[in-house]
Amino acid sequence: MKLAIIKTGGKQYIVKEGDTLKLEKVDASEGDQFVFDHVLMTASDADVNIGNPLVAGALVTSKVLKQGRSKKVIVFHYHNKTRYKKKAGHRQHFTEVEILNIG
């Protein structure tokens, strides 16, 4: 079993071949292949490669399944005793990808 730790959108993800995951928005359209080049670690049954900070020559290939927006989150600011209330909503953009190959 191959697995890798990739960095994208300021976050780190542990991925295996065949996994699907939602990430911060990536500039690619649906059905395209996308390559993650910020690979922090790769591992297989035989060996483990840890980068300093990145593993040289390691790439993780994925397929973009969907571009979308998550559910609305209500952001509410309130200050006591000053009649200050502020309400806003936020919908985060995401990209759903399937990991095809770790190399």
Protein backbone atom coordinates (compact mmCIF):
# COMPACT_ATOMS: atom_id res chain seq x y z
CA MET A 1 0.00 0.00 0.00
CA LYS A 2 1.38 3.39 -1.01
CA LEU A 3 0.60 6.55 0.90
CA ALA A 4 1.83 10.13 0.89
CA ILE A 5 1.50 13.36 2.80
CA ILE A 6 0.79 16.32 0.51
CA LYS A 7 0.51 20.02 1.23
CA THR A 8 -2.07 22.18 -0.54
CA GLY A 9 -4.10 25.21 0.46
CA GLY A 10 -2.08 25.66 3.67
CA LYS A 11 -3.13 22.23 4.95
CA GLN A 12 -1.54 18.79 4.95
CA TYR A 13 -3.37 15.63 3.90
CA ILE A 14 -2.51 11.93 4.22
CA VAL A 15 -3.59 10.27 0.95
CA LYS A 16 -3.65 6.75 -0.46
CA GLU A 17 -4.26 5.63 -4.02
CA GLY A 18 -8.01 5.51 -4.67
CA ASP A 19 -8.93 8.04 -1.94
CA THR A 20 -11.36 10.90 -2.60
CA LEU A 21 -11.05 14.09 -0.59
CA LYS A 22 -12.25 17.68 -0.52
CA LEU A 23 -9.57 20.37 -0.62
CA GLU A 24 -9.32 24.13 -0.88
CA LYS A 25 -10.18 25.30 -4.40
CA VAL A 26 -7.67 24.27 -7.08
CA ASP A 27 -7.49 25.88 -10.53
CA ALA A 28 -8.54 22.93 -12.68
CA SER A 29 -11.80 22.03 -14.35
CA GLU A 30 -13.82 18.88 -13.75
CA GLY A 31 -12.37 15.76 -15.36
CA ASP A 32 -8.84 17.19 -15.61
CA GLN A 33 -5.82 15.58 -14.02
CA PHE A 34 -4.00 17.62 -11.40
CA VAL A 35 -0.50 16.96 -10.05
CA PHE A 36 0.50 17.80 -6.47
CA ASP A 37 4.22 18.54 -6.32
CA HIS A 38 4.44 19.56 -2.64
CA VAL A 39 4.94 16.02 -1.29
CA LEU A 40 6.25 15.95 2.28
CA MET A 41 6.49 12.16 2.71
CA THR A 42 5.98 8.98 0.72
CA ALA A 43 5.71 5.47 2.09
CA SER A 44 5.24 1.99 0.70
CA ASP A 45 5.49 -1.49 2.16
CA ALA A 46 9.26 -1.50 1.69
CA ASP A 47 10.50 2.01 2.52
CA VAL A 48 9.68 5.49 3.81
CA ASN A 49 10.97 8.73 2.24
CA ILE A 50 10.77 11.86 4.37
CA GLY A 51 11.47 15.18 2.68
CA ASN A 52 13.55 18.06 3.94
CA PRO A 53 11.05 19.79 3.50
CA LEU A 54 9.92 18.13 0.22
CA VAL A 55 10.65 14.71 -1.25
CA ALA A 56 12.72 15.26 -4.40
CA GLY A 57 10.99 14.07 -7.57
CA ALA A 58 7.84 12.85 -5.84
CA LEU A 59 4.49 13.61 -7.49
CA VAL A 60 0.91 12.71 -6.61
CA THR A 61 -1.46 12.54 -9.59
CA SER A 62 -5.17 13.10 -9.07
CA LYS A 63 -8.36 13.57 -11.07
CA VAL A 64 -10.73 16.48 -10.36
CA LEU A 65 -14.20 15.07 -9.71
CA LYS A 66 -16.12 18.19 -8.73
CA GLN A 67 -15.81 21.92 -8.09
CA GLY A 68 -18.33 23.28 -5.61
CA ARG A 69 -19.19 25.31 -2.56
CA SER A 70 -19.84 23.96 0.91
CA LYS A 71 -22.86 24.71 3.07
CA LYS A 72 -23.33 28.20 4.43
CA VAL A 73 -21.70 29.03 7.74
CA ILE A 74 -23.20 31.90 9.75
CA VAL A 75 -20.65 34.37 11.12
CA PHE A 76 -22.16 36.46 13.94
CA HIS A 77 -20.31 39.23 15.80
CA TYR A 78 -21.84 40.63 19.00
CA HIS A 79 -20.55 43.13 21.53
CA ASN A 80 -22.33 43.25 24.83
CA LYS A 81 -23.89 46.56 26.05
CA THR A 82 -23.02 48.54 22.91
CA ARG A 83 -25.84 47.55 20.52
CA TYR A 84 -23.32 46.05 18.11
CA LYS A 85 -24.53 43.10 16.05
CA LYS A 86 -23.23 41.97 12.70
CA LYS A 87 -24.35 38.88 10.80
CA ALA A 88 -22.78 37.47 7.66
CA GLY A 89 -22.73 34.17 5.79
CA HIS A 90 -19.82 32.39 4.15
CA ARG A 91 -19.65 29.53 1.65
CA GLN A 92 -16.17 28.09 1.12
CA HIS A 93 -15.15 26.92 -2.36
CA PHE A 94 -13.79 23.38 -2.57
CA THR A 95 -12.43 20.88 -5.07
CA GLU A 96 -13.14 17.17 -4.77
CA VAL A 97 -10.32 15.00 -6.13
CA GLU A 98 -9.57 11.30 -6.48
CA ILE A 99 -5.97 10.18 -5.97
CA LEU A 100 -4.82 8.13 -8.97
CA ASN A 101 -1.09 7.57 -8.54
CA ILE A 102 1.64 8.19 -5.99
CA GLY A 103 5.06 8.25 -7.57
